[in-house]
Amino acid sequence: MSEQTKKLLSTLGLCARARKLVIGTPMVCERLRSDSERAGTEQRVYAVIEASDTSDNTHAKLTSKCNFYGVPHYRLDIGAVELAHAVGKTGATAAVGILDSQLMRAVAVHLPSDENH
């Protein structure tokens, strides 16, 4: 694991401790949907981070939701278990949504520059 990836996971852990993450695909999708209904909310999803080993169906669902709602979507080269461990969960976590603009800036510093979103 590269140093940049370690810093990214550490920053995601900070977001989790600050309670500025939505964890899990169903919760991310629900939050994206509810944000569109409550325009102007402070706690909107600023970006979605997806693990590399998600199923094709999950990837398609997250991609289409993010495109529809205009939210940046990043599929990283980390597994769902590593992502879950970084945010303090056991098992596997396919995706997380970042709920704070300042923390999103901190995460963006560590995102690979060639990443598709």
C-alpha atoms as a PDB file:
ATOM      1  CA  MET A   1       0.000   0.000   0.000  1.00  0.00           C
ATOM      2  CA  SER A   2       1.423   3.366  -1.007  1.00  0.00           C
ATOM      3  CA  GLU A   3       2.041   6.213   1.408  1.00  0.00           C
ATOM      4  CA  GLN A   4      -0.589   8.306  -0.396  1.00  0.00           C
ATOM      5  CA  THR A   5      -3.202   5.558   0.098  1.00  0.00           C
ATOM      6  CA  LYS A   6      -2.324   5.274   3.799  1.00  0.00           C
ATOM      7  CA  LYS A   7      -2.809   9.021   4.231  1.00  0.00           C
ATOM      8  CA  LEU A   8      -6.118   8.862   2.351  1.00  0.00           C
ATOM      9  CA  LEU A   9      -7.410   6.069   4.591  1.00  0.00           C
ATOM     10  CA  SER A  10      -6.234   7.954   7.666  1.00  0.00           C
ATOM     11  CA  THR A  11      -8.101  11.056   6.527  1.00  0.00           C
ATOM     12  CA  LEU A  12     -11.246   8.978   5.928  1.00  0.00           C
ATOM     13  CA  GLY A  13     -10.851   7.698   9.503  1.00  0.00           C
ATOM     14  CA  LEU A  14     -10.750  11.293  10.705  1.00  0.00           C
ATOM     15  CA  CYS A  15     -13.980  11.972   8.780  1.00  0.00           C
ATOM     16  CA  ALA A  16     -15.583   8.973  10.478  1.00  0.00           C
ATOM     17  CA  ARG A  17     -14.505  10.131  13.948  1.00  0.00           C
ATOM     18  CA  ALA A  18     -15.957  13.568  13.152  1.00  0.00           C
ATOM     19  CA  ARG A  19     -19.220  11.858  12.130  1.00  0.00           C
ATOM     20  CA  LYS A  20     -19.014  13.396   8.686  1.00  0.00           C
ATOM     21  CA  LEU A  21     -19.332  10.138   6.716  1.00  0.00           C
ATOM     22  CA  VAL A  22     -22.245   8.099   5.445  1.00  0.00           C
ATOM     23  CA  ILE A  23     -21.088   4.480   5.458  1.00  0.00           C
ATOM     24  CA  GLY A  24     -22.430   1.757   3.161  1.00  0.00           C
ATOM     25  CA  THR A  25     -23.967   1.734  -0.294  1.00  0.00           C
ATOM     26  CA  PRO A  26     -27.637   1.796   0.819  1.00  0.00           C
ATOM     27  CA  MET A  27     -27.007   4.713   3.182  1.00  0.00           C
ATOM     28  CA  VAL A  28     -25.015   6.638   0.552  1.00  0.00           C
ATOM     29  CA  CYS A  29     -27.779   6.181  -2.051  1.00  0.00           C
ATOM     30  CA  GLU A  30     -30.463   7.193   0.449  1.00  0.00           C
ATOM     31  CA  ARG A  31     -28.490  10.279   1.473  1.00  0.00           C
ATOM     32  CA  LEU A  32     -27.961  11.318  -2.158  1.00  0.00           C
ATOM     33  CA  ARG A  33     -31.700  11.004  -2.753  1.00  0.00           C
ATOM     34  CA  SER A  34     -32.682  12.885   0.405  1.00  0.00           C
ATOM     35  CA  ASP A  35     -30.178  15.677  -0.318  1.00  0.00           C
ATOM     36  CA  SER A  36     -31.918  16.403  -3.607  1.00  0.00           C
ATOM     37  CA  GLU A  37     -35.229  16.747  -1.757  1.00  0.00           C
ATOM     38  CA  ARG A  38     -33.718  19.104   0.844  1.00  0.00           C
ATOM     39  CA  ALA A  39     -31.832  21.554  -1.351  1.00  0.00           C
ATOM     40  CA  GLY A  40     -29.344  23.736   0.494  1.00  0.00           C
ATOM     41  CA  THR A  41     -28.686  21.389   3.395  1.00  0.00           C
ATOM     42  CA  GLU A  42     -25.410  21.716   5.277  1.00  0.00           C
ATOM     43  CA  GLN A  43     -24.905  17.958   5.474  1.00  0.00           C
ATOM     44  CA  ARG A  44     -25.035  17.140   1.758  1.00  0.00           C
ATOM     45  CA  VAL A  45     -22.800  14.478   0.192  1.00  0.00           C
ATOM     46  CA  TYR A  46     -19.736  16.163  -1.326  1.00  0.00           C
ATOM     47  CA  ALA A  47     -18.164  13.003  -2.772  1.00  0.00           C
ATOM     48  CA  VAL A  48     -18.544   9.242  -2.825  1.00  0.00           C
ATOM     49  CA  ILE A  49     -15.527   6.974  -2.317  1.00  0.00           C
ATOM     50  CA  GLU A  50     -15.951   3.398  -3.575  1.00  0.00           C
ATOM     51  CA  ALA A  51     -13.805   0.318  -2.939  1.00  0.00           C
ATOM     52  CA  SER A  52     -12.230  -1.421  -5.937  1.00  0.00           C
ATOM     53  CA  ASP A  53     -13.738  -4.840  -5.279  1.00  0.00           C
ATOM     54  CA  THR A  54     -17.418  -3.921  -5.391  1.00  0.00           C
ATOM     55  CA  SER A  55     -19.736  -5.865  -7.655  1.00  0.00           C
ATOM     56  CA  ASP A  56     -20.617  -4.592 -11.117  1.00  0.00           C
ATOM     57  CA  ASN A  57     -24.177  -3.931  -9.944  1.00  0.00           C
ATOM     58  CA  THR A  58     -23.021  -1.840  -6.967  1.00  0.00           C
ATOM     59  CA  HIS A  59     -20.565   0.088  -9.125  1.00  0.00           C
ATOM     60  CA  ALA A  60     -23.274   0.816 -11.710  1.00  0.00           C
ATOM     61  CA  LYS A  61     -25.720   1.925  -9.010  1.00  0.00           C
ATOM     62  CA  LEU A  62     -23.237   4.293  -7.364  1.00  0.00           C
ATOM     63  CA  THR A  63     -22.032   5.683 -10.701  1.00  0.00           C
ATOM     64  CA  SER A  64     -25.546   6.389 -11.957  1.00  0.00           C
ATOM     65  CA  LYS A  65     -26.672   7.991  -8.678  1.00  0.00           C
ATOM     66  CA  CYS A  66     -23.579  10.194  -8.500  1.00  0.00           C
ATOM     67  CA  ASN A  67     -23.933  11.255 -12.134  1.00  0.00           C
ATOM     68  CA  PHE A  68     -27.647  12.003 -11.693  1.00  0.00           C
ATOM     69  CA  TYR A  69     -27.134  14.088  -8.541  1.00  0.00           C
ATOM     70  CA  GLY A  70     -23.878  15.717  -9.709  1.00  0.00           C
ATOM     71  CA  VAL A  71     -21.667  14.317  -6.953  1.00  0.00           C
ATOM     72  CA  PRO A  72     -18.018  13.352  -7.627  1.00  0.00           C
ATOM     73  CA  HIS A  73     -17.453   9.598  -7.497  1.00  0.00           C
ATOM     74  CA  TYR A  74     -14.050   7.993  -6.925  1.00  0.00           C
ATOM     75  CA  ARG A  75     -13.301   4.283  -7.255  1.00  0.00           C
ATOM     76  CA  LEU A  76     -10.055   3.692  -5.405  1.00  0.00           C
ATOM     77  CA  ASP A  77      -7.522   0.892  -5.534  1.00  0.00           C
ATOM     78  CA  ILE A  78      -8.391  -0.350  -2.041  1.00  0.00           C
ATOM     79  CA  GLY A  79     -10.571  -3.254  -0.989  1.00  0.00           C
ATOM     80  CA  ALA A  80     -13.863  -3.073   0.869  1.00  0.00           C
ATOM     81  CA  VAL A  81     -12.300  -4.611   3.986  1.00  0.00           C
ATOM     82  CA  GLU A  82      -9.523  -1.979   4.024  1.00  0.00           C
ATOM     83  CA  LEU A  83     -12.097   0.795   3.563  1.00  0.00           C
ATOM     84  CA  ALA A  84     -14.214  -0.588   6.409  1.00  0.00           C
ATOM     85  CA  HIS A  85     -11.184  -0.863   8.689  1.00  0.00           C
ATOM     86  CA  ALA A  86     -10.207   2.747   7.915  1.00  0.00           C
ATOM     87  CA  VAL A  87     -13.626   4.064   8.983  1.00  0.00           C
ATOM     88  CA  GLY A  88     -13.826   1.887  12.092  1.00  0.00           C
ATOM     89  CA  LYS A  89     -16.167  -0.854  10.867  1.00  0.00           C
ATOM     90  CA  THR A  90     -15.780  -4.611  10.765  1.00  0.00           C
ATOM     91  CA  GLY A  91     -16.479  -6.673   7.679  1.00  0.00           C
ATOM     92  CA  ALA A  92     -16.619  -4.910   4.318  1.00  0.00           C
ATOM     93  CA  THR A  93     -17.805  -1.453   3.295  1.00  0.00           C
ATOM     94  CA  ALA A  94     -18.334  -0.854  -0.416  1.00  0.00           C
ATOM     95  CA  ALA A  95     -18.703   2.927  -0.299  1.00  0.00           C
ATOM     96  CA  VAL A  96     -18.663   6.008   1.907  1.00  0.00           C
ATOM     97  CA  GLY A  97     -20.021   9.497   1.353  1.00  0.00           C
ATOM     98  CA  ILE A  98     -18.228  12.581   2.686  1.00  0.00           C
ATOM     99  CA  LEU A  99     -20.548  15.130   4.330  1.00  0.00           C
ATOM    100  CA  ASP A 100     -18.237  18.081   5.007  1.00  0.00           C
ATOM    101  CA  SER A 101     -16.664  20.426   2.458  1.00  0.00           C
ATOM    102  CA  GLN A 102     -13.519  21.085   4.507  1.00  0.00           C
ATOM    103  CA  LEU A 103     -12.904  17.400   5.126  1.00  0.00           C
ATOM    104  CA  MET A 104     -13.535  16.763   1.431  1.00  0.00           C
ATOM    105  CA  ARG A 105     -10.697  19.168   0.659  1.00  0.00           C
ATOM    106  CA  ALA A 106      -8.454  17.225   3.034  1.00  0.00           C
ATOM    107  CA  VAL A 107      -9.397  13.952   1.329  1.00  0.00           C
ATOM    108  CA  ALA A 108      -8.977  15.436  -2.168  1.00  0.00           C
ATOM    109  CA  VAL A 109      -5.320  16.220  -1.429  1.00  0.00           C
ATOM    110  CA  HIS A 110      -4.665  12.476  -1.106  1.00  0.00           C
ATOM    111  CA  LEU A 111      -6.758  11.274  -4.058  1.00  0.00           C
ATOM    112  CA  PRO A 112      -4.727  10.054  -7.024  1.00  0.00           C
ATOM    113  CA  SER A 113      -4.627  12.737  -9.724  1.00  0.00           C
ATOM    114  CA  ASP A 114      -5.389  10.254 -12.525  1.00  0.00           C
ATOM    115  CA  GLU A 115      -8.501   8.944 -10.758  1.00  0.00           C
ATOM    116  CA  ASN A 116     -11.701   8.950 -12.782  1.00  0.00           C
ATOM    117  CA  HIS A 117     -14.608  10.664 -11.116  1.00  0.00           C
END
